[in-house]
Amino acid sequence: MNKQNNKNKIMEKYSIFIVLLIMIIICSMLNKNFLSTGNISNIMKQLAVATILAYGEMLLIISGMLDLSSGAVLAMAGVFSVSVYKSTGSLLVAFLVAILFGVICNLVNALMVTNFKTPPFIATLAMQMVARGIALLFTKGQNISQLGDYVVFGQGTIGPIPISIIFMAVITIIIWYILRHTRFGRSLYAIGGNEEAAIASGINVAKNKYVVFAINGILVGVAGVLFMSRVNAGLPNGAVGYEMEGLTAAIVGGTSFSGGVGTTLGTLAGAFIIGCLNNIMNLIGVDSYIQQIVKGVIIALAVIWDIHSKNKKTAKVILVEEKSEGK
């Protein structure tokens, strides 16, 4: 019985990586160019922004919240960053401006959620509309072109490695460390698992919510810089739907919508699955409208699976308790 339980735990822990491996094999069979060096590099560059957003979504979902504004805030932070660069010529100042606006927007989200008890869905949906409106108002609906050296963030390399991939790798390590080796990371799991119990155990829930939103703001700001520099333009209408890319990657990677469950490597694998799926559909010429349908189905299936797994675990706990009481 114990061996069977151990096997089930191993399968549950590594199933997302098995799915990713199977997907890579299938994609390579569908198109011979899928595993080419150029295509893999292209997938990685495109993945950087979505993966960074996915980490922010993961942290929020683990703590029982979510962010529907990340795509719009990314665009707003990105166009302000581009504008500042064109005015000052300083890459550092432009980078910090993007982070500043990302953090400010997310602290407003935290204020609405924590102090005014607004559901995260509503608070971040409102921020989505405000941030997109500010981006369009600031640029008068026009794209900002001729970015010069700003493109180094999204198009530059250090040796053979794209800078955007280095950003993604460093952020992956930082987020992994936060969740696995800090009191703050453990607190997020506790808050998402049972907020009342977390309060009773002495966790400062309000403070932690502000911090996790601030971290999400930093990630969104970084993503904004990478996105604008990769497309070589300040696009106020850019990154539409990117919040769903991040949410999908986190959920497919095993982050539970009910909170308290999620891992950095699982989210990374989820992002790779979505990235590979997007890439292969483009390579084999799948219509963009059909691609939208496929992504929607994937989100629905991931949530259904999450609910099924949660119910199954709850049923097992109840069964064990009943057996213990019977004894």
C-alpha atoms as a PDB file:
ATOM      1  CA  MET A   1       0.000   0.000   0.000  1.00  0.00           C
ATOM      2  CA  ASN A   2       2.840   2.389   0.924  1.00  0.00           C
ATOM      3  CA  LYS A   3       4.652   1.574  -2.333  1.00  0.00           C
ATOM      4  CA  GLN A   4       1.530   2.397  -4.300  1.00  0.00           C
ATOM      5  CA  ASN A   5       1.126   5.686  -2.427  1.00  0.00           C
ATOM      6  CA  ASN A   6       4.771   6.548  -3.116  1.00  0.00           C
ATOM      7  CA  LYS A   7       4.303   5.813  -6.816  1.00  0.00           C
ATOM      8  CA  ASN A   8       1.211   8.018  -6.902  1.00  0.00           C
ATOM      9  CA  LYS A   9       3.084  10.854  -5.191  1.00  0.00           C
ATOM     10  CA  ILE A  10       5.999  10.582  -7.649  1.00  0.00           C
ATOM     11  CA  MET A  11       3.627  10.587 -10.629  1.00  0.00           C
ATOM     12  CA  GLU A  12       1.752  13.575  -9.194  1.00  0.00           C
ATOM     13  CA  LYS A  13       5.005  15.464  -8.581  1.00  0.00           C
ATOM     14  CA  TYR A  14       6.574  14.858 -11.978  1.00  0.00           C
ATOM     15  CA  SER A  15       3.524  14.466 -14.228  1.00  0.00           C
ATOM     16  CA  ILE A  16       3.834  18.006 -15.632  1.00  0.00           C
ATOM     17  CA  PHE A  17       7.405  17.295 -16.778  1.00  0.00           C
ATOM     18  CA  ILE A  18       6.320  14.021 -18.369  1.00  0.00           C
ATOM     19  CA  VAL A  19       3.573  15.904 -20.223  1.00  0.00           C
ATOM     20  CA  LEU A  20       6.158  18.469 -21.404  1.00  0.00           C
ATOM     21  CA  LEU A  21       8.487  15.727 -22.653  1.00  0.00           C
ATOM     22  CA  ILE A  22       5.663  13.967 -24.529  1.00  0.00           C
ATOM     23  CA  MET A  23       4.609  17.294 -26.040  1.00  0.00           C
ATOM     24  CA  ILE A  24       8.147  18.026 -27.268  1.00  0.00           C
ATOM     25  CA  ILE A  25       8.321  14.585 -28.899  1.00  0.00           C
ATOM     26  CA  ILE A  26       4.933  15.038 -30.609  1.00  0.00           C
ATOM     27  CA  CYS A  27       5.819  18.558 -31.789  1.00  0.00           C
ATOM     28  CA  SER A  28       9.117  17.357 -33.262  1.00  0.00           C
ATOM     29  CA  MET A  29       7.204  14.676 -35.183  1.00  0.00           C
ATOM     30  CA  LEU A  30       4.652  17.203 -36.486  1.00  0.00           C
ATOM     31  CA  ASN A  31       7.305  19.574 -37.838  1.00  0.00           C
ATOM     32  CA  LYS A  32      10.980  18.818 -38.490  1.00  0.00           C
ATOM     33  CA  ASN A  33      11.963  22.455 -37.787  1.00  0.00           C
ATOM     34  CA  PHE A  34      10.581  22.397 -34.248  1.00  0.00           C
ATOM     35  CA  LEU A  35      13.833  21.242 -32.632  1.00  0.00           C
ATOM     36  CA  SER A  36      16.070  23.438 -34.781  1.00  0.00           C
ATOM     37  CA  THR A  37      18.408  25.751 -32.862  1.00  0.00           C
ATOM     38  CA  GLY A  38      16.786  28.859 -34.332  1.00  0.00           C
ATOM     39  CA  ASN A  39      13.268  27.754 -33.415  1.00  0.00           C
ATOM     40  CA  ILE A  40      14.182  26.724 -29.867  1.00  0.00           C
ATOM     41  CA  SER A  41      15.888  30.104 -29.377  1.00  0.00           C
ATOM     42  CA  ASN A  42      12.763  31.828 -30.709  1.00  0.00           C
ATOM     43  CA  ILE A  43      10.530  29.875 -28.299  1.00  0.00           C
ATOM     44  CA  MET A  44      12.757  30.795 -25.367  1.00  0.00           C
ATOM     45  CA  LYS A  45      12.743  34.511 -26.256  1.00  0.00           C
ATOM     46  CA  GLN A  46       8.948  34.532 -26.577  1.00  0.00           C
ATOM     47  CA  LEU A  47       8.624  32.545 -23.347  1.00  0.00           C
ATOM     48  CA  ALA A  48      10.614  35.027 -21.259  1.00  0.00           C
ATOM     49  CA  VAL A  49       7.838  37.614 -20.913  1.00  0.00           C
ATOM     50  CA  ALA A  50       5.006  35.102 -20.391  1.00  0.00           C
ATOM     51  CA  THR A  51       7.043  33.102 -17.848  1.00  0.00           C
ATOM     52  CA  ILE A  52       7.926  36.187 -15.792  1.00  0.00           C
ATOM     53  CA  LEU A  53       4.247  37.168 -15.723  1.00  0.00           C
ATOM     54  CA  ALA A  54       3.340  33.570 -14.824  1.00  0.00           C
ATOM     55  CA  TYR A  55       5.573  33.716 -11.724  1.00  0.00           C
ATOM     56  CA  GLY A  56       3.699  36.790 -10.510  1.00  0.00           C
ATOM     57  CA  GLU A  57       0.358  35.095 -11.130  1.00  0.00           C
ATOM     58  CA  MET A  58       1.592  31.967  -9.352  1.00  0.00           C
ATOM     59  CA  LEU A  59       2.613  33.885  -6.218  1.00  0.00           C
ATOM     60  CA  LEU A  60      -0.754  35.642  -6.104  1.00  0.00           C
ATOM     61  CA  ILE A  61      -2.795  32.482  -6.748  1.00  0.00           C
ATOM     62  CA  ILE A  62      -0.850  30.568  -4.083  1.00  0.00           C
ATOM     63  CA  SER A  63      -1.838  33.298  -1.613  1.00  0.00           C
ATOM     64  CA  GLY A  64      -5.492  33.138  -2.701  1.00  0.00           C
ATOM     65  CA  MET A  65      -5.541  36.037  -5.188  1.00  0.00           C
ATOM     66  CA  LEU A  66      -4.899  36.720  -8.898  1.00  0.00           C
ATOM     67  CA  ASP A  67      -4.062  39.556 -11.296  1.00  0.00           C
ATOM     68  CA  LEU A  68      -6.099  40.343 -14.410  1.00  0.00           C
ATOM     69  CA  SER A  69      -4.258  43.626 -14.993  1.00  0.00           C
ATOM     70  CA  SER A  70      -0.724  42.394 -15.704  1.00  0.00           C
ATOM     71  CA  GLY A  71      -0.950  42.703 -19.509  1.00  0.00           C
ATOM     72  CA  ALA A  72      -2.281  46.270 -19.366  1.00  0.00           C
ATOM     73  CA  VAL A  73       0.143  47.328 -16.601  1.00  0.00           C
ATOM     74  CA  LEU A  74       2.966  45.778 -18.649  1.00  0.00           C
ATOM     75  CA  ALA A  75       1.971  47.996 -21.592  1.00  0.00           C
ATOM     76  CA  MET A  76       1.682  51.111 -19.440  1.00  0.00           C
ATOM     77  CA  ALA A  77       5.003  50.528 -17.658  1.00  0.00           C
ATOM     78  CA  GLY A  78       6.634  49.701 -20.985  1.00  0.00           C
ATOM     79  CA  VAL A  79       5.553  52.850 -22.833  1.00  0.00           C
ATOM     80  CA  PHE A  80       6.582  55.063 -19.898  1.00  0.00           C
ATOM     81  CA  SER A  81       9.937  53.283 -19.813  1.00  0.00           C
ATOM     82  CA  VAL A  82      10.460  53.748 -23.556  1.00  0.00           C
ATOM     83  CA  SER A  83       9.482  57.421 -23.344  1.00  0.00           C
ATOM     84  CA  VAL A  84      11.885  58.056 -20.467  1.00  0.00           C
ATOM     85  CA  TYR A  85      14.691  56.338 -22.372  1.00  0.00           C
ATOM     86  CA  LYS A  86      14.111  58.515 -25.421  1.00  0.00           C
ATOM     87  CA  SER A  87      14.190  61.602 -23.183  1.00  0.00           C
ATOM     88  CA  THR A  88      17.202  60.698 -21.025  1.00  0.00           C
ATOM     89  CA  GLY A  89      19.153  58.095 -22.987  1.00  0.00           C
ATOM     90  CA  SER A  90      19.634  56.128 -19.751  1.00  0.00           C
ATOM     91  CA  LEU A  91      18.847  52.413 -19.884  1.00  0.00           C
ATOM     92  CA  LEU A  92      19.036  52.133 -16.086  1.00  0.00           C
ATOM     93  CA  VAL A  93      16.562  54.965 -15.463  1.00  0.00           C
ATOM     94  CA  ALA A  94      14.201  53.576 -18.113  1.00  0.00           C
ATOM     95  CA  PHE A  95      14.385  50.115 -16.520  1.00  0.00           C
ATOM     96  CA  LEU A  96      13.687  51.482 -13.037  1.00  0.00           C
ATOM     97  CA  VAL A  97      10.764  53.572 -14.308  1.00  0.00           C
ATOM     98  CA  ALA A  98       9.073  50.440 -15.663  1.00  0.00           C
ATOM     99  CA  ILE A  99       9.468  48.715 -12.309  1.00  0.00           C
ATOM    100  CA  LEU A 100       8.243  51.827 -10.468  1.00  0.00           C
ATOM    101  CA  PHE A 101       4.991  52.003 -12.435  1.00  0.00           C
ATOM    102  CA  GLY A 102       4.496  48.230 -12.156  1.00  0.00           C
ATOM    103  CA  VAL A 103       4.863  48.428  -8.367  1.00  0.00           C
ATOM    104  CA  ILE A 104       2.618  51.502  -8.010  1.00  0.00           C
ATOM    105  CA  CYS A 105      -0.231  49.825  -9.920  1.00  0.00           C
ATOM    106  CA  ASN A 106       0.115  46.660  -7.881  1.00  0.00           C
ATOM    107  CA  LEU A 107       0.187  48.522  -4.574  1.00  0.00           C
ATOM    108  CA  VAL A 108      -3.118  50.119  -5.611  1.00  0.00           C
ATOM    109  CA  ASN A 109      -4.398  46.584  -6.274  1.00  0.00           C
ATOM    110  CA  ALA A 110      -3.178  45.553  -2.813  1.00  0.00           C
ATOM    111  CA  LEU A 111      -4.888  48.564  -1.232  1.00  0.00           C
ATOM    112  CA  MET A 112      -8.212  47.671  -2.847  1.00  0.00           C
ATOM    113  CA  VAL A 113      -7.944  43.989  -1.960  1.00  0.00           C
ATOM    114  CA  THR A 114      -6.528  44.342   1.563  1.00  0.00           C
ATOM    115  CA  ASN A 115      -7.999  47.548   2.945  1.00  0.00           C
ATOM    116  CA  PHE A 116     -11.217  47.900   0.996  1.00  0.00           C
ATOM    117  CA  LYS A 117     -11.902  44.137   0.827  1.00  0.00           C
ATOM    118  CA  THR A 118     -12.470  44.263  -2.942  1.00  0.00           C
ATOM    119  CA  PRO A 119     -12.352  40.802  -4.572  1.00  0.00           C
ATOM    120  CA  PRO A 120      -9.030  40.469  -6.474  1.00  0.00           C
ATOM    121  CA  PHE A 121     -10.937  39.681  -9.673  1.00  0.00           C
ATOM    122  CA  ILE A 122     -12.764  43.042  -9.546  1.00  0.00           C
ATOM    123  CA  ALA A 123      -9.826  45.109  -8.267  1.00  0.00           C
ATOM    124  CA  THR A 124      -7.402  43.914 -10.921  1.00  0.00           C
ATOM    125  CA  LEU A 125     -10.026  44.060 -13.678  1.00  0.00           C
ATOM    126  CA  ALA A 126     -10.548  47.733 -12.817  1.00  0.00           C
ATOM    127  CA  MET A 127      -6.776  48.289 -12.864  1.00  0.00           C
ATOM    128  CA  GLN A 128      -6.598  46.593 -16.260  1.00  0.00           C
ATOM    129  CA  MET A 129      -8.954  49.204 -17.717  1.00  0.00           C
ATOM    130  CA  VAL A 130      -7.254  52.129 -15.955  1.00  0.00           C
ATOM    131  CA  ALA A 131      -3.702  51.104 -16.932  1.00  0.00           C
ATOM    132  CA  ARG A 132      -4.619  50.483 -20.563  1.00  0.00           C
ATOM    133  CA  GLY A 133      -6.426  53.826 -20.680  1.00  0.00           C
ATOM    134  CA  ILE A 134      -3.403  55.656 -19.206  1.00  0.00           C
ATOM    135  CA  ALA A 135      -1.079  54.011 -21.745  1.00  0.00           C
ATOM    136  CA  LEU A 136      -3.318  55.070 -24.639  1.00  0.00           C
ATOM    137  CA  LEU A 137      -3.847  58.573 -23.232  1.00  0.00           C
ATOM    138  CA  PHE A 138      -0.110  59.110 -22.679  1.00  0.00           C
ATOM    139  CA  THR A 139       0.793  58.072 -26.229  1.00  0.00           C
ATOM    140  CA  LYS A 140      -2.415  59.458 -27.790  1.00  0.00           C
ATOM    141  CA  GLY A 141      -2.946  55.969 -29.153  1.00  0.00           C
ATOM    142  CA  GLN A 142       0.273  56.103 -31.192  1.00  0.00           C
ATOM    143  CA  ASN A 143       3.177  53.665 -31.084  1.00  0.00           C
ATOM    144  CA  ILE A 144       6.596  54.937 -29.994  1.00  0.00           C
ATOM    145  CA  SER A 145       9.250  53.953 -32.541  1.00  0.00           C
ATOM    146  CA  GLN A 146      13.037  54.248 -33.041  1.00  0.00           C
ATOM    147  CA  LEU A 147      14.074  52.833 -29.670  1.00  0.00           C
ATOM    148  CA  GLY A 148      17.801  52.679 -30.400  1.00  0.00           C
ATOM    149  CA  ASP A 149      19.879  50.829 -27.782  1.00  0.00           C
ATOM    150  CA  TYR A 150      16.765  50.122 -25.683  1.00  0.00           C
ATOM    151  CA  VAL A 151      16.293  46.940 -27.750  1.00  0.00           C
ATOM    152  CA  VAL A 152      19.316  45.412 -26.013  1.00  0.00           C
ATOM    153  CA  PHE A 153      17.068  44.078 -23.221  1.00  0.00           C
ATOM    154  CA  GLY A 154      14.922  41.964 -25.531  1.00  0.00           C
ATOM    155  CA  GLN A 155      17.222  41.422 -28.500  1.00  0.00           C
ATOM    156  CA  GLY A 156      20.747  41.591 -27.104  1.00  0.00           C
ATOM    157  CA  THR A 157      22.931  38.669 -26.094  1.00  0.00           C
ATOM    158  CA  ILE A 158      25.740  37.939 -23.666  1.00  0.00           C
ATOM    159  CA  GLY A 159      27.889  35.538 -25.649  1.00  0.00           C
ATOM    160  CA  PRO A 160      25.459  33.116 -27.292  1.00  0.00           C
ATOM    161  CA  ILE A 161      22.750  33.575 -24.632  1.00  0.00           C
ATOM    162  CA  PRO A 162      19.910  36.106 -25.178  1.00  0.00           C
ATOM    163  CA  ILE A 163      19.666  38.660 -22.353  1.00  0.00           C
ATOM    164  CA  SER A 164      15.902  38.029 -22.031  1.00  0.00           C
ATOM    165  CA  ILE A 165      16.595  34.370 -21.249  1.00  0.00           C
ATOM    166  CA  ILE A 166      19.165  35.404 -18.613  1.00  0.00           C
ATOM    167  CA  PHE A 167      16.506  37.606 -16.997  1.00  0.00           C
ATOM    168  CA  MET A 168      14.068  34.665 -17.000  1.00  0.00           C
ATOM    169  CA  ALA A 169      16.652  32.276 -15.505  1.00  0.00           C
ATOM    170  CA  VAL A 170      17.692  34.678 -12.719  1.00  0.00           C
ATOM    171  CA  ILE A 171      14.067  35.439 -11.822  1.00  0.00           C
ATOM    172  CA  THR A 172      13.269  31.706 -11.807  1.00  0.00           C
ATOM    173  CA  ILE A 173      16.023  31.092  -9.247  1.00  0.00           C
ATOM    174  CA  ILE A 174      14.914  34.042  -7.078  1.00  0.00           C
ATOM    175  CA  ILE A 175      11.238  32.998  -7.053  1.00  0.00           C
ATOM    176  CA  TRP A 176      12.198  29.366  -6.350  1.00  0.00           C
ATOM    177  CA  TYR A 177      14.327  30.482  -3.402  1.00  0.00           C
ATOM    178  CA  ILE A 178      11.573  32.724  -2.018  1.00  0.00           C
ATOM    179  CA  LEU A 179       9.001  29.926  -2.049  1.00  0.00           C
ATOM    180  CA  ARG A 180      11.278  27.161  -0.813  1.00  0.00           C
ATOM    181  CA  HIS A 181      13.588  28.861   1.675  1.00  0.00           C
ATOM    182  CA  THR A 182      11.957  31.958   3.186  1.00  0.00           C
ATOM    183  CA  ARG A 183       9.366  32.551   5.889  1.00  0.00           C
ATOM    184  CA  PHE A 184       7.541  34.851   3.465  1.00  0.00           C
ATOM    185  CA  GLY A 185       7.193  32.022   0.941  1.00  0.00           C
ATOM    186  CA  ARG A 186       5.804  29.664   3.570  1.00  0.00           C
ATOM    187  CA  SER A 187       3.410  32.397   4.684  1.00  0.00           C
ATOM    188  CA  LEU A 188       1.964  32.669   1.168  1.00  0.00           C
ATOM    189  CA  TYR A 189       1.083  28.967   1.191  1.00  0.00           C
ATOM    190  CA  ALA A 190      -0.493  29.342   4.621  1.00  0.00           C
ATOM    191  CA  ILE A 191      -2.560  32.375   3.583  1.00  0.00           C
ATOM    192  CA  GLY A 192      -3.809  30.694   0.435  1.00  0.00           C
ATOM    193  CA  GLY A 193      -4.535  27.440   2.243  1.00  0.00           C
ATOM    194  CA  ASN A 194      -6.558  29.003   5.059  1.00  0.00           C
ATOM    195  CA  GLU A 195      -6.381  32.750   5.677  1.00  0.00           C
ATOM    196  CA  GLU A 196      -8.139  32.616   9.056  1.00  0.00           C
ATOM    197  CA  ALA A 197      -5.766  29.936  10.296  1.00  0.00           C
ATOM    198  CA  ALA A 198      -2.823  32.007   9.018  1.00  0.00           C
ATOM    199  CA  ILE A 199      -4.041  35.031  11.006  1.00  0.00           C
ATOM    200  CA  ALA A 200      -4.504  32.854  14.095  1.00  0.00           C
ATOM    201  CA  SER A 201      -0.934  31.568  13.753  1.00  0.00           C
ATOM    202  CA  GLY A 202       0.438  35.115  13.872  1.00  0.00           C
ATOM    203  CA  ILE A 203       1.063  35.750  10.164  1.00  0.00           C
ATOM    204  CA  ASN A 204       0.653  39.389   9.140  1.00  0.00           C
ATOM    205  CA  VAL A 205      -1.686  38.673   6.228  1.00  0.00           C
ATOM    206  CA  ALA A 206      -2.179  42.303   5.166  1.00  0.00           C
ATOM    207  CA  LYS A 207       1.562  42.988   5.027  1.00  0.00           C
ATOM    208  CA  ASN A 208       2.218  39.805   3.056  1.00  0.00           C
ATOM    209  CA  LYS A 209      -0.485  40.690   0.530  1.00  0.00           C
ATOM    210  CA  TYR A 210       1.126  44.069  -0.055  1.00  0.00           C
ATOM    211  CA  VAL A 211       4.546  42.448  -0.472  1.00  0.00           C
ATOM    212  CA  VAL A 212       3.350  39.788  -2.909  1.00  0.00           C
ATOM    213  CA  PHE A 213       1.573  42.408  -5.016  1.00  0.00           C
ATOM    214  CA  ALA A 214       4.747  44.540  -4.966  1.00  0.00           C
ATOM    215  CA  ILE A 215       6.801  41.565  -6.169  1.00  0.00           C
ATOM    216  CA  ASN A 216       4.250  41.001  -8.919  1.00  0.00           C
ATOM    217  CA  GLY A 217       4.673  44.689  -9.841  1.00  0.00           C
ATOM    218  CA  ILE A 218       8.442  44.268 -10.157  1.00  0.00           C
ATOM    219  CA  LEU A 219       7.950  41.231 -12.406  1.00  0.00           C
ATOM    220  CA  VAL A 220       5.392  43.052 -14.568  1.00  0.00           C
ATOM    221  CA  GLY A 221       7.756  46.021 -14.912  1.00  0.00           C
ATOM    222  CA  VAL A 222      10.630  43.776 -16.020  1.00  0.00           C
ATOM    223  CA  ALA A 223       8.297  41.992 -18.453  1.00  0.00           C
ATOM    224  CA  GLY A 224       7.263  45.401 -19.855  1.00  0.00           C
ATOM    225  CA  VAL A 225      10.870  46.306 -20.652  1.00  0.00           C
ATOM    226  CA  LEU A 226      11.563  42.921 -22.275  1.00  0.00           C
ATOM    227  CA  PHE A 227       8.354  43.054 -24.313  1.00  0.00           C
ATOM    228  CA  MET A 228       8.836  46.580 -25.689  1.00  0.00           C
ATOM    229  CA  SER A 229      12.508  46.016 -26.460  1.00  0.00           C
ATOM    230  CA  ARG A 230      11.780  42.701 -28.206  1.00  0.00           C
ATOM    231  CA  VAL A 231       9.157  44.231 -30.529  1.00  0.00           C
ATOM    232  CA  ASN A 232      11.311  47.399 -30.909  1.00  0.00           C
ATOM    233  CA  ALA A 233       8.426  49.770 -30.176  1.00  0.00           C
ATOM    234  CA  GLY A 234       6.417  51.265 -27.358  1.00  0.00           C
ATOM    235  CA  LEU A 235       2.999  49.717 -27.921  1.00  0.00           C
ATOM    236  CA  PRO A 236       0.158  51.098 -25.751  1.00  0.00           C
ATOM    237  CA  ASN A 237      -2.056  48.369 -27.185  1.00  0.00           C
ATOM    238  CA  GLY A 238       0.613  45.694 -26.713  1.00  0.00           C
ATOM    239  CA  ALA A 239       0.463  42.562 -24.550  1.00  0.00           C
ATOM    240  CA  VAL A 240      -3.321  42.224 -24.821  1.00  0.00           C
ATOM    241  CA  GLY A 241      -4.296  38.926 -23.209  1.00  0.00           C
ATOM    242  CA  TYR A 242      -0.850  38.336 -21.713  1.00  0.00           C
ATOM    243  CA  GLU A 243      -2.376  38.077 -18.241  1.00  0.00           C
ATOM    244  CA  MET A 244      -4.207  34.982 -19.516  1.00  0.00           C
ATOM    245  CA  GLU A 245      -0.929  33.565 -20.848  1.00  0.00           C
ATOM    246  CA  GLY A 246       0.528  33.930 -17.359  1.00  0.00           C
ATOM    247  CA  LEU A 247      -2.540  32.505 -15.640  1.00  0.00           C
ATOM    248  CA  THR A 248      -2.664  29.562 -18.038  1.00  0.00           C
ATOM    249  CA  ALA A 249       1.013  28.736 -17.532  1.00  0.00           C
ATOM    250  CA  ALA A 250       0.614  28.844 -13.736  1.00  0.00           C
ATOM    251  CA  ILE A 251      -2.543  26.697 -13.725  1.00  0.00           C
ATOM    252  CA  VAL A 252      -1.231  24.168 -16.253  1.00  0.00           C
ATOM    253  CA  GLY A 253       1.922  24.014 -14.125  1.00  0.00           C
ATOM    254  CA  GLY A 254      -0.073  22.806 -11.129  1.00  0.00           C
ATOM    255  CA  THR A 255      -0.883  26.013  -9.244  1.00  0.00           C
ATOM    256  CA  SER A 256      -4.280  25.474  -7.630  1.00  0.00           C
ATOM    257  CA  PHE A 257      -6.935  28.138  -8.162  1.00  0.00           C
ATOM    258  CA  SER A 258      -8.172  27.447  -4.636  1.00  0.00           C
ATOM    259  CA  GLY A 259      -4.829  28.648  -3.245  1.00  0.00           C
ATOM    260  CA  GLY A 260      -2.042  27.150  -1.161  1.00  0.00           C
ATOM    261  CA  VAL A 261      -0.561  24.976  -3.935  1.00  0.00           C
ATOM    262  CA  GLY A 262       2.032  25.776  -6.596  1.00  0.00           C
ATOM    263  CA  THR A 263       5.722  25.457  -7.489  1.00  0.00           C
ATOM    264  CA  THR A 264       8.200  27.522  -9.471  1.00  0.00           C
ATOM    265  CA  LEU A 265       9.435  24.629 -11.603  1.00  0.00           C
ATOM    266  CA  GLY A 266       5.877  23.476 -12.255  1.00  0.00           C
ATOM    267  CA  THR A 267       4.988  26.971 -13.505  1.00  0.00           C
ATOM    268  CA  LEU A 268       8.132  27.012 -15.664  1.00  0.00           C
ATOM    269  CA  ALA A 269       7.091  23.673 -17.189  1.00  0.00           C
ATOM    270  CA  GLY A 270       3.570  25.027 -17.708  1.00  0.00           C
ATOM    271  CA  ALA A 271       4.990  28.057 -19.520  1.00  0.00           C
ATOM    272  CA  PHE A 272       7.072  25.786 -21.746  1.00  0.00           C
ATOM    273  CA  ILE A 273       4.020  23.665 -22.561  1.00  0.00           C
ATOM    274  CA  ILE A 274       2.026  26.750 -23.591  1.00  0.00           C
ATOM    275  CA  GLY A 275       5.020  28.134 -25.505  1.00  0.00           C
ATOM    276  CA  CYS A 276       5.577  24.877 -27.384  1.00  0.00           C
ATOM    277  CA  LEU A 277       1.861  24.627 -28.149  1.00  0.00           C
ATOM    278  CA  ASN A 278       1.769  28.191 -29.526  1.00  0.00           C
ATOM    279  CA  ASN A 279       4.888  27.568 -31.592  1.00  0.00           C
ATOM    280  CA  ILE A 280       3.808  24.277 -33.152  1.00  0.00           C
ATOM    281  CA  MET A 281       0.378  25.663 -34.014  1.00  0.00           C
ATOM    282  CA  ASN A 282       2.097  28.515 -35.853  1.00  0.00           C
ATOM    283  CA  LEU A 283       4.528  26.149 -37.601  1.00  0.00           C
ATOM    284  CA  ILE A 284       1.786  23.879 -38.931  1.00  0.00           C
ATOM    285  CA  GLY A 285      -0.432  26.812 -39.883  1.00  0.00           C
ATOM    286  CA  VAL A 286      -3.296  26.531 -37.408  1.00  0.00           C
ATOM    287  CA  ASP A 287      -5.735  29.439 -37.770  1.00  0.00           C
ATOM    288  CA  SER A 288      -5.294  32.112 -35.054  1.00  0.00           C
ATOM    289  CA  TYR A 289      -8.985  31.853 -34.100  1.00  0.00           C
ATOM    290  CA  ILE A 290      -8.627  28.121 -33.568  1.00  0.00           C
ATOM    291  CA  GLN A 291      -5.543  28.801 -31.437  1.00  0.00           C
ATOM    292  CA  GLN A 292      -7.709  30.963 -29.155  1.00  0.00           C
ATOM    293  CA  ILE A 293     -10.212  28.114 -28.831  1.00  0.00           C
ATOM    294  CA  VAL A 294      -7.445  25.630 -27.996  1.00  0.00           C
ATOM    295  CA  LYS A 295      -6.046  27.909 -25.263  1.00  0.00           C
ATOM    296  CA  GLY A 296      -9.513  28.379 -23.775  1.00  0.00           C
ATOM    297  CA  VAL A 297     -10.074  24.622 -23.698  1.00  0.00           C
ATOM    298  CA  ILE A 298      -6.698  24.110 -22.008  1.00  0.00           C
ATOM    299  CA  ILE A 299      -7.598  26.599 -19.244  1.00  0.00           C
ATOM    300  CA  ALA A 300     -10.977  24.884 -18.707  1.00  0.00           C
ATOM    301  CA  LEU A 301      -9.407  21.413 -18.568  1.00  0.00           C
ATOM    302  CA  ALA A 302      -6.667  22.579 -16.171  1.00  0.00           C
ATOM    303  CA  VAL A 303      -9.230  24.079 -13.770  1.00  0.00           C
ATOM    304  CA  ILE A 304     -11.458  20.983 -14.003  1.00  0.00           C
ATOM    305  CA  TRP A 305      -8.448  18.783 -13.251  1.00  0.00           C
ATOM    306  CA  ASP A 306      -7.505  21.004 -10.299  1.00  0.00           C
ATOM    307  CA  ILE A 307     -11.024  20.757  -8.849  1.00  0.00           C
ATOM    308  CA  HIS A 308     -11.103  16.989  -9.416  1.00  0.00           C
ATOM    309  CA  SER A 309      -7.722  16.527  -7.700  1.00  0.00           C
ATOM    310  CA  LYS A 310      -8.792  18.705  -4.770  1.00  0.00           C
ATOM    311  CA  ASN A 311     -12.045  16.779  -4.315  1.00  0.00           C
ATOM    312  CA  LYS A 312     -10.183  13.477  -4.531  1.00  0.00           C
ATOM    313  CA  LYS A 313      -7.732  14.521  -1.808  1.00  0.00           C
ATOM    314  CA  THR A 314     -10.586  15.774   0.393  1.00  0.00           C
ATOM    315  CA  ALA A 315     -12.401  12.455  -0.019  1.00  0.00           C
ATOM    316  CA  LYS A 316      -9.250  10.551   1.014  1.00  0.00           C
ATOM    317  CA  VAL A 317      -8.836  12.707   4.135  1.00  0.00           C
ATOM    318  CA  ILE A 318     -12.492  12.125   5.107  1.00  0.00           C
ATOM    319  CA  LEU A 319     -12.089   8.374   4.536  1.00  0.00           C
ATOM    320  CA  VAL A 320      -8.975   8.218   6.728  1.00  0.00           C
ATOM    321  CA  GLU A 321     -10.741  10.203   9.484  1.00  0.00           C
ATOM    322  CA  GLU A 322     -13.759   7.888   9.344  1.00  0.00           C
ATOM    323  CA  LYS A 323     -11.507   4.834   9.609  1.00  0.00           C
ATOM    324  CA  SER A 324      -9.682   6.368  12.574  1.00  0.00           C
ATOM    325  CA  GLU A 325     -12.971   7.098  14.326  1.00  0.00           C
ATOM    326  CA  GLY A 326     -14.165   3.553  13.611  1.00  0.00           C
ATOM    327  CA  LYS A 327     -11.122   2.157  15.344  1.00  0.00           C
END
